[in-house]
C-alpha atoms as a PDB file:
ATOM      1  CA  MET A   1       6.721 -13.926   9.466  1.00  0.00           C
ATOM      2  CA  PHE A   2      10.479 -14.519   7.423  1.00  0.00           C
ATOM      3  CA  GLU A   3       8.540 -12.537   4.146  1.00  0.00           C
ATOM      4  CA  ARG A   4       8.426  -9.629   5.285  1.00  0.00           C
ATOM      5  CA  PHE A   5      12.716  -9.981   5.774  1.00  0.00           C
ATOM      6  CA  THR A   6      15.676  -9.459   3.516  1.00  0.00           C
ATOM      7  CA  ASP A   7      17.679 -11.362   1.865  1.00  0.00           C
ATOM      8  CA  ARG A   8      20.195 -10.655   4.897  1.00  0.00           C
ATOM      9  CA  ALA A   9      18.370 -11.010   7.366  1.00  0.00           C
ATOM     10  CA  ARG A  10      17.786 -14.434   5.860  1.00  0.00           C
ATOM     11  CA  GLN A  11      20.808 -14.988   5.890  1.00  0.00           C
ATOM     12  CA  VAL A  12      21.353 -14.451   9.014  1.00  0.00           C
ATOM     13  CA  ILE A  13      19.134 -16.744   9.971  1.00  0.00           C
ATOM     14  CA  MET A  14      20.502 -19.654   8.150  1.00  0.00           C
ATOM     15  CA  LEU A  15      23.949 -18.159   9.383  1.00  0.00           C
ATOM     16  CA  ALA A  16      22.155 -19.148  12.917  1.00  0.00           C
ATOM     17  CA  GLY A  17      21.691 -22.177  12.218  1.00  0.00           C
ATOM     18  CA  GLU A  18      25.477 -23.094  10.550  1.00  0.00           C
ATOM     19  CA  GLU A  19      26.482 -22.399  13.742  1.00  0.00           C
ATOM     20  CA  ALA A  20      24.158 -24.606  16.354  1.00  0.00           C
ATOM     21  CA  ARG A  21      25.312 -27.416  14.338  1.00  0.00           C
ATOM     22  CA  HIS A  22      29.064 -26.475  14.264  1.00  0.00           C
ATOM     23  CA  LEU A  23      28.994 -26.164  18.497  1.00  0.00           C
ATOM     24  CA  GLY A  24      26.823 -28.970  18.477  1.00  0.00           C
ATOM     25  CA  HIS A  25      23.671 -27.977  20.139  1.00  0.00           C
ATOM     26  CA  ARG A  26      20.249 -29.034  19.394  1.00  0.00           C
ATOM     27  CA  HIS A  27      18.966 -25.755  19.650  1.00  0.00           C
ATOM     28  CA  LEU A  28      19.228 -22.422  18.213  1.00  0.00           C
ATOM     29  CA  GLY A  29      19.220 -19.266  20.358  1.00  0.00           C
ATOM     30  CA  THR A  30      20.307 -15.829  20.940  1.00  0.00           C
ATOM     31  CA  GLU A  31      23.580 -16.478  21.087  1.00  0.00           C
ATOM     32  CA  HIS A  32      23.644 -18.639  16.931  1.00  0.00           C
ATOM     33  CA  ILE A  33      21.729 -15.262  16.214  1.00  0.00           C
ATOM     34  CA  LEU A  34      24.586 -13.307  17.904  1.00  0.00           C
ATOM     35  CA  LEU A  35      27.227 -14.776  15.811  1.00  0.00           C
ATOM     36  CA  GLY A  36      24.547 -14.922  12.287  1.00  0.00           C
ATOM     37  CA  LEU A  37      24.602 -10.950  12.918  1.00  0.00           C
ATOM     38  CA  ILE A  38      28.464 -10.772  12.731  1.00  0.00           C
ATOM     39  CA  ARG A  39      29.477 -13.070   9.779  1.00  0.00           C
ATOM     40  CA  GLU A  40      26.461 -12.033   8.282  1.00  0.00           C
ATOM     41  CA  GLY A  41      29.177  -8.400   7.720  1.00  0.00           C
ATOM     42  CA  HIS A  42      27.863  -6.286   4.704  1.00  0.00           C
ATOM     43  CA  GLY A  43      23.891  -5.563   6.906  1.00  0.00           C
ATOM     44  CA  LEU A  44      23.978  -2.162   9.423  1.00  0.00           C
ATOM     45  CA  ALA A  45      23.494  -5.292  12.353  1.00  0.00           C
ATOM     46  CA  ALA A  46      27.365  -6.500  11.073  1.00  0.00           C
ATOM     47  CA  GLN A  47      28.728  -2.817  10.838  1.00  0.00           C
ATOM     48  CA  ALA A  48      28.165  -1.627  14.326  1.00  0.00           C
ATOM     49  CA  LEU A  49      29.384  -5.339  15.783  1.00  0.00           C
ATOM     50  CA  THR A  50      32.704  -5.021  14.077  1.00  0.00           C
ATOM     51  CA  GLU A  51      32.563  -1.550  14.350  1.00  0.00           C
ATOM     52  CA  CYS A  52      32.775  -2.431  18.343  1.00  0.00           C
ATOM     53  CA  GLN A  53      35.035  -4.987  18.064  1.00  0.00           C
ATOM     54  CA  ALA A  54      32.286  -8.041  18.743  1.00  0.00           C
ATOM     55  CA  ASP A  55      33.769 -10.384  15.904  1.00  0.00           C
ATOM     56  CA  ALA A  56      32.811 -14.124  15.357  1.00  0.00           C
ATOM     57  CA  GLU A  57      35.930 -17.083  16.842  1.00  0.00           C
ATOM     58  CA  HIS A  58      35.502 -13.796  20.209  1.00  0.00           C
ATOM     59  CA  VAL A  59      31.620 -14.975  20.534  1.00  0.00           C
ATOM     60  CA  ARG A  60      32.314 -18.313  19.219  1.00  0.00           C
ATOM     61  CA  ALA A  61      34.646 -18.787  22.101  1.00  0.00           C
ATOM     62  CA  ALA A  62      32.231 -17.017  24.615  1.00  0.00           C
ATOM     63  CA  VAL A  63      29.067 -18.903  23.990  1.00  0.00           C
ATOM     64  CA  ALA A  64      30.723 -22.582  24.434  1.00  0.00           C
ATOM     65  CA  ARG A  65      32.111 -21.137  27.795  1.00  0.00           C
ATOM     66  CA  LEU A  66      28.747 -19.907  28.427  1.00  0.00           C
ATOM     67  CA  ILE A  67      26.900 -23.198  27.988  1.00  0.00           C
ATOM     68  CA  GLY A  68      28.905 -25.806  28.382  1.00  0.00           C
ATOM     69  CA  GLU A  69      29.793 -28.681  26.251  1.00  0.00           C
ATOM     70  CA  PRO A  70      27.969 -29.471  23.796  1.00  0.00           C
ATOM     71  CA  GLY A  71      25.575 -31.687  23.432  1.00  0.00           C
ATOM     72  CA  SER A  72      24.763 -34.136  20.708  1.00  0.00           C
ATOM     73  CA  PRO A  73      24.979 -32.127  17.675  1.00  0.00           C
ATOM     74  CA  PRO A  74      21.495 -32.987  15.131  1.00  0.00           C
ATOM     75  CA  PRO A  75      21.613 -35.680  13.009  1.00  0.00           C
ATOM     76  CA  GLY A  76      22.462 -34.501   9.606  1.00  0.00           C
ATOM     77  CA  GLU A  77      23.250 -31.145   7.652  1.00  0.00           C
ATOM     78  CA  THR A  78      19.528 -30.383   6.856  1.00  0.00           C
ATOM     79  CA  ALA A  79      18.229 -31.812  10.369  1.00  0.00           C
ATOM     80  CA  HIS A  80      15.864 -29.203  11.225  1.00  0.00           C
ATOM     81  CA  ILE A  81      16.777 -27.000  14.793  1.00  0.00           C
ATOM     82  CA  PRO A  82      13.678 -25.433  16.751  1.00  0.00           C
ATOM     83  CA  PHE A  83      13.885 -21.364  18.306  1.00  0.00           C
ATOM     84  CA  THR A  84      14.511 -21.173  21.911  1.00  0.00           C
ATOM     85  CA  PRO A  85      11.683 -18.998  23.358  1.00  0.00           C
ATOM     86  CA  ARG A  86      13.962 -16.297  23.370  1.00  0.00           C
ATOM     87  CA  ALA A  87      15.110 -16.975  19.611  1.00  0.00           C
ATOM     88  CA  LYS A  88      11.313 -16.511  18.870  1.00  0.00           C
ATOM     89  CA  LYS A  89      11.297 -13.428  21.533  1.00  0.00           C
ATOM     90  CA  ILE A  90      13.130 -12.027  19.597  1.00  0.00           C
ATOM     91  CA  LEU A  91      12.224 -12.172  15.804  1.00  0.00           C
ATOM     92  CA  GLU A  92       8.295 -11.065  17.177  1.00  0.00           C
ATOM     93  CA  LEU A  93      10.515  -7.826  18.656  1.00  0.00           C
ATOM     94  CA  ALA A  94      12.200  -7.789  15.535  1.00  0.00           C
ATOM     95  CA  LEU A  95       8.972  -7.600  13.036  1.00  0.00           C
ATOM     96  CA  ARG A  96       7.179  -4.410  15.832  1.00  0.00           C
ATOM     97  CA  GLU A  97      10.469  -2.665  16.023  1.00  0.00           C
ATOM     98  CA  ALA A  98      10.521  -2.535  11.924  1.00  0.00           C
ATOM     99  CA  MET A  99       6.408  -1.599  12.509  1.00  0.00           C
ATOM    100  CA  ARG A 100       7.629   1.266  15.197  1.00  0.00           C
ATOM    101  CA  ARG A 101      10.153   2.490  12.409  1.00  0.00           C
ATOM    102  CA  ASP A 102       7.230   2.306   9.070  1.00  0.00           C
ATOM    103  CA  ASP A 103      10.034   0.181   8.126  1.00  0.00           C
ATOM    104  CA  ARG A 104       8.716  -1.926   5.741  1.00  0.00           C
ATOM    105  CA  TYR A 105      11.386  -4.874   5.887  1.00  0.00           C
ATOM    106  CA  VAL A 106      12.725  -6.865   8.788  1.00  0.00           C
ATOM    107  CA  SER A 107      16.815  -5.793   7.972  1.00  0.00           C
ATOM    108  CA  THR A 108      19.681  -6.803  10.226  1.00  0.00           C
ATOM    109  CA  GLU A 109      19.775  -3.528  12.415  1.00  0.00           C
ATOM    110  CA  HIS A 110      15.886  -4.495  13.832  1.00  0.00           C
ATOM    111  CA  VAL A 111      17.817  -7.733  14.632  1.00  0.00           C
ATOM    112  CA  LEU A 112      19.694  -7.374  16.895  1.00  0.00           C
ATOM    113  CA  LEU A 113      17.732  -4.145  18.233  1.00  0.00           C
ATOM    114  CA  ALA A 114      15.766  -6.925  19.169  1.00  0.00           C
ATOM    115  CA  THR A 115      18.295  -8.561  20.140  1.00  0.00           C
ATOM    116  CA  LEU A 116      20.081  -6.404  22.641  1.00  0.00           C
ATOM    117  CA  ARG A 117      16.558  -5.395  23.988  1.00  0.00           C
ATOM    118  CA  GLU A 118      14.942  -9.101  24.700  1.00  0.00           C
ATOM    119  CA  GLY A 119      16.967  -8.511  28.014  1.00  0.00           C
ATOM    120  CA  ASP A 120      19.058 -11.618  29.639  1.00  0.00           C
ATOM    121  CA  GLY A 121      19.716 -13.884  26.479  1.00  0.00           C
ATOM    122  CA  ILE A 122      23.228 -15.901  26.081  1.00  0.00           C
ATOM    123  CA  ALA A 123      23.787 -12.964  22.963  1.00  0.00           C
ATOM    124  CA  LEU A 124      24.044 -10.050  25.881  1.00  0.00           C
ATOM    125  CA  HIS A 125      26.839 -12.381  28.460  1.00  0.00           C
ATOM    126  CA  ALA A 126      28.456 -13.343  25.397  1.00  0.00           C
ATOM    127  CA  LEU A 127      29.137  -9.448  24.289  1.00  0.00           C
ATOM    128  CA  ALA A 128      30.038  -9.145  28.102  1.00  0.00           C
ATOM    129  CA  GLU A 129      32.290 -12.185  28.080  1.00  0.00           C
ATOM    130  CA  CYS A 130      33.697  -9.958  25.396  1.00  0.00           C
ATOM    131  CA  GLY A 131      34.101  -6.556  26.953  1.00  0.00           C
ATOM    132  CA  VAL A 132      31.792  -5.593  24.131  1.00  0.00           C
ATOM    133  CA  PRO A 133      29.159  -3.644  26.338  1.00  0.00           C
ATOM    134  CA  PRO A 134      25.478  -4.160  24.845  1.00  0.00           C
ATOM    135  CA  GLU A 135      24.826  -0.494  25.356  1.00  0.00           C
ATOM    136  CA  VAL A 136      27.473   0.951  22.680  1.00  0.00           C
ATOM    137  CA  VAL A 137      26.488  -1.604  20.231  1.00  0.00           C
ATOM    138  CA  GLY A 138      22.904   0.183  20.465  1.00  0.00           C
ATOM    139  CA  ASP A 139      24.433   3.593  20.079  1.00  0.00           C
ATOM    140  CA  ALA A 140      26.872   2.686  16.806  1.00  0.00           C
ATOM    141  CA  LEU A 141      23.918   0.769  15.476  1.00  0.00           C
ATOM    142  CA  GLU A 142      21.712   3.985  16.540  1.00  0.00           C
ATOM    143  CA  ARG A 143      24.051   5.750  14.447  1.00  0.00           C
ATOM    144  CA  ARG A 144      24.292   3.931  11.581  1.00  0.00           C
ATOM    145  CA  MET A 145      20.377   4.214  11.051  1.00  0.00           C
ATOM    146  CA  THR A 146      20.770   7.747  11.564  1.00  0.00           C
ATOM    147  CA  ALA A 147      23.452   7.727   8.483  1.00  0.00           C
ATOM    148  CA  GLN A 148      21.758   5.266   5.855  1.00  0.00           C
ATOM    149  CA  GLY A 149      18.362   6.831   6.729  1.00  0.00           C
ATOM    150  CA  ALA A 150      19.402  10.127   6.229  1.00  0.00           C
ATOM    151  CA  LYS A 151      20.932   8.925   2.823  1.00  0.00           C
ATOM    152  CA  ASP A 152      18.078   6.614   1.754  1.00  0.00           C
ATOM    153  CA  ARG A 153      16.279  10.497   2.609  1.00  0.00           C
ATOM    154  CA  SER A 154      18.668  12.608   0.737  1.00  0.00           C
ATOM    155  CA  ILE A 155      18.524  10.398  -3.154  1.00  0.00           C
ATOM    156  CA  ILE A 156      13.880  10.693  -2.262  1.00  0.00           C
ATOM    157  CA  ASP A 157      15.357  14.647  -2.509  1.00  0.00           C
ATOM    158  CA  ARG A 158      17.278  14.576  -4.897  1.00  0.00           C
ATOM    159  CA  LEU A 159      14.532  11.763  -7.297  1.00  0.00           C
ATOM    160  CA  THR A 160      11.606  14.757  -6.721  1.00  0.00           C
ATOM    161  CA  ASP A 161      13.481  18.141  -6.725  1.00  0.00           C
ATOM    162  CA  PRO A 162      11.767  20.180  -8.663  1.00  0.00           C
ATOM    163  CA  GLY A 163      14.570  21.138 -10.692  1.00  0.00           C
ATOM    164  CA  ASP A 164      15.110  17.752 -11.800  1.00  0.00           C
ATOM    165  CA  ARG A 165      11.571  17.434 -13.232  1.00  0.00           C
ATOM    166  CA  MET A 166      12.251  20.919 -15.058  1.00  0.00           C
ATOM    167  CA  ILE A 167      14.781  19.112 -16.579  1.00  0.00           C
ATOM    168  CA  GLN A 168      13.381  16.187 -17.600  1.00  0.00           C
ATOM    169  CA  ALA A 169      10.812  18.204 -18.509  1.00  0.00           C
ATOM    170  CA  THR A 170      12.786  20.076 -21.327  1.00  0.00           C
ATOM    171  CA  LEU A 171      15.221  17.089 -22.038  1.00  0.00           C
ATOM    172  CA  ARG A 172      10.850  15.422 -23.065  1.00  0.00           C
ATOM    173  CA  ARG A 173      10.491  18.567 -24.834  1.00  0.00           C
ATOM    174  CA  HIS A 174      13.957  18.202 -26.532  1.00  0.00           C
ATOM    175  CA  GLY A 175      13.076  14.466 -27.230  1.00  0.00           C
ATOM    176  CA  GLU A 176       9.649  15.965 -28.943  1.00  0.00           C
ATOM    177  CA  ASP A 177      11.175  18.943 -31.393  1.00  0.00           C
ATOM    178  CA  ARG A 178      13.170  16.418 -32.491  1.00  0.00           C
ATOM    179  CA  HIS A 179      10.685  14.013 -33.420  1.00  0.00           C
ATOM    180  CA  THR A 180       8.598  16.643 -34.896  1.00  0.00           C
ATOM    181  CA  MET A 181      12.193  17.491 -36.909  1.00  0.00           C
ATOM    182  CA  LYS A 182      12.939  14.423 -38.530  1.00  0.00           C
ATOM    183  CA  LYS A 183       9.534  14.340 -39.490  1.00  0.00           C
ATOM    184  CA  ILE A 184       9.502  17.118 -41.891  1.00  0.00           C
ATOM    185  CA  LEU A 185      12.816  16.142 -43.029  1.00  0.00           C
ATOM    186  CA  GLU A 186      11.370  13.013 -44.303  1.00  0.00           C
ATOM    187  CA  SER A 187       8.265  14.810 -45.540  1.00  0.00           C
ATOM    188  CA  LEU A 188      10.937  17.510 -47.160  1.00  0.00           C
ATOM    189  CA  GLU A 189      12.807  14.520 -48.790  1.00  0.00           C
ATOM    190  CA  SER A 190      10.208  12.567 -49.701  1.00  0.00           C
ATOM    191  CA  LEU A 191       9.066  15.572 -51.359  1.00  0.00           C
ATOM    192  CA  HIS A 192      12.261  16.447 -52.788  1.00  0.00           C
ATOM    193  CA  ARG A 193      12.137  12.768 -54.624  1.00  0.00           C
ATOM    194  CA  ARG A 194       8.390  13.534 -55.907  1.00  0.00           C
ATOM    195  CA  LEU A 195       9.245  16.162 -57.566  1.00  0.00           C
ATOM    196  CA  ASP A 196      12.912  15.157 -59.024  1.00  0.00           C
ATOM    197  CA  ALA A 197      10.483  11.843 -60.102  1.00  0.00           C
ATOM    198  CA  MET A 198       8.326  14.348 -61.785  1.00  0.00           C
ATOM    199  CA  GLY A 199      10.933  16.137 -63.762  1.00  0.00           C
ATOM    200  CA  ALA A 200      11.050  19.470 -61.677  1.00  0.00           C
ATOM    201  CA  PRO A 201      13.944  21.660 -62.604  1.00  0.00           C
ATOM    202  CA  PRO A 202      16.828  22.254 -60.437  1.00  0.00           C
ATOM    203  CA  ASP A 203      16.579  24.579 -57.746  1.00  0.00           C
ATOM    204  CA  PRO A 204      18.288  27.594 -58.915  1.00  0.00           C
ATOM    205  CA  GLY A 205      20.699  28.352 -56.307  1.00  0.00           C
ATOM    206  CA  LYS A 206      22.751  25.232 -57.424  1.00  0.00           C
END
């Protein structure tokens, strides 16, 4: 599944694992994915969460309150931490969300949308505990996705604009003309050298 994830989305999952270990949890749940989305810091999901004042410190504290006393941390930093059923569902929903929007890859925004739409995970309760309504996060994310989509379309339009094609064709023709002129000058220089070698008289105009 993760081969369809962008580098940012994979970073989210890695950070989620770090959060689970930091909290001493033996599972990786929706709450850890949410913390990973916040900590990633650059994707559309992190931007939307930051806009809504959802910061890692407060969400982490809310998660600790909701889950209660942490269990024994898994032995070793690289120990495998299994996903909870809800976390697995989020990954599946993120993939479906990307496919529904005709996006080739699963990015952080798809993971956040899936987290919000999963319905009843600890992640949503932690947001509510921090005074951040999930629907407000969803609205902020949709605005950013719409703006990003418009920006992407603008770039594509500029690259495929007829005027750009005309400019490219003109530059190509000028390039071909320069190449032709260079060949002509080289031929004239060669001709002059041969005439000089044959002892031809100088040009009357000189």
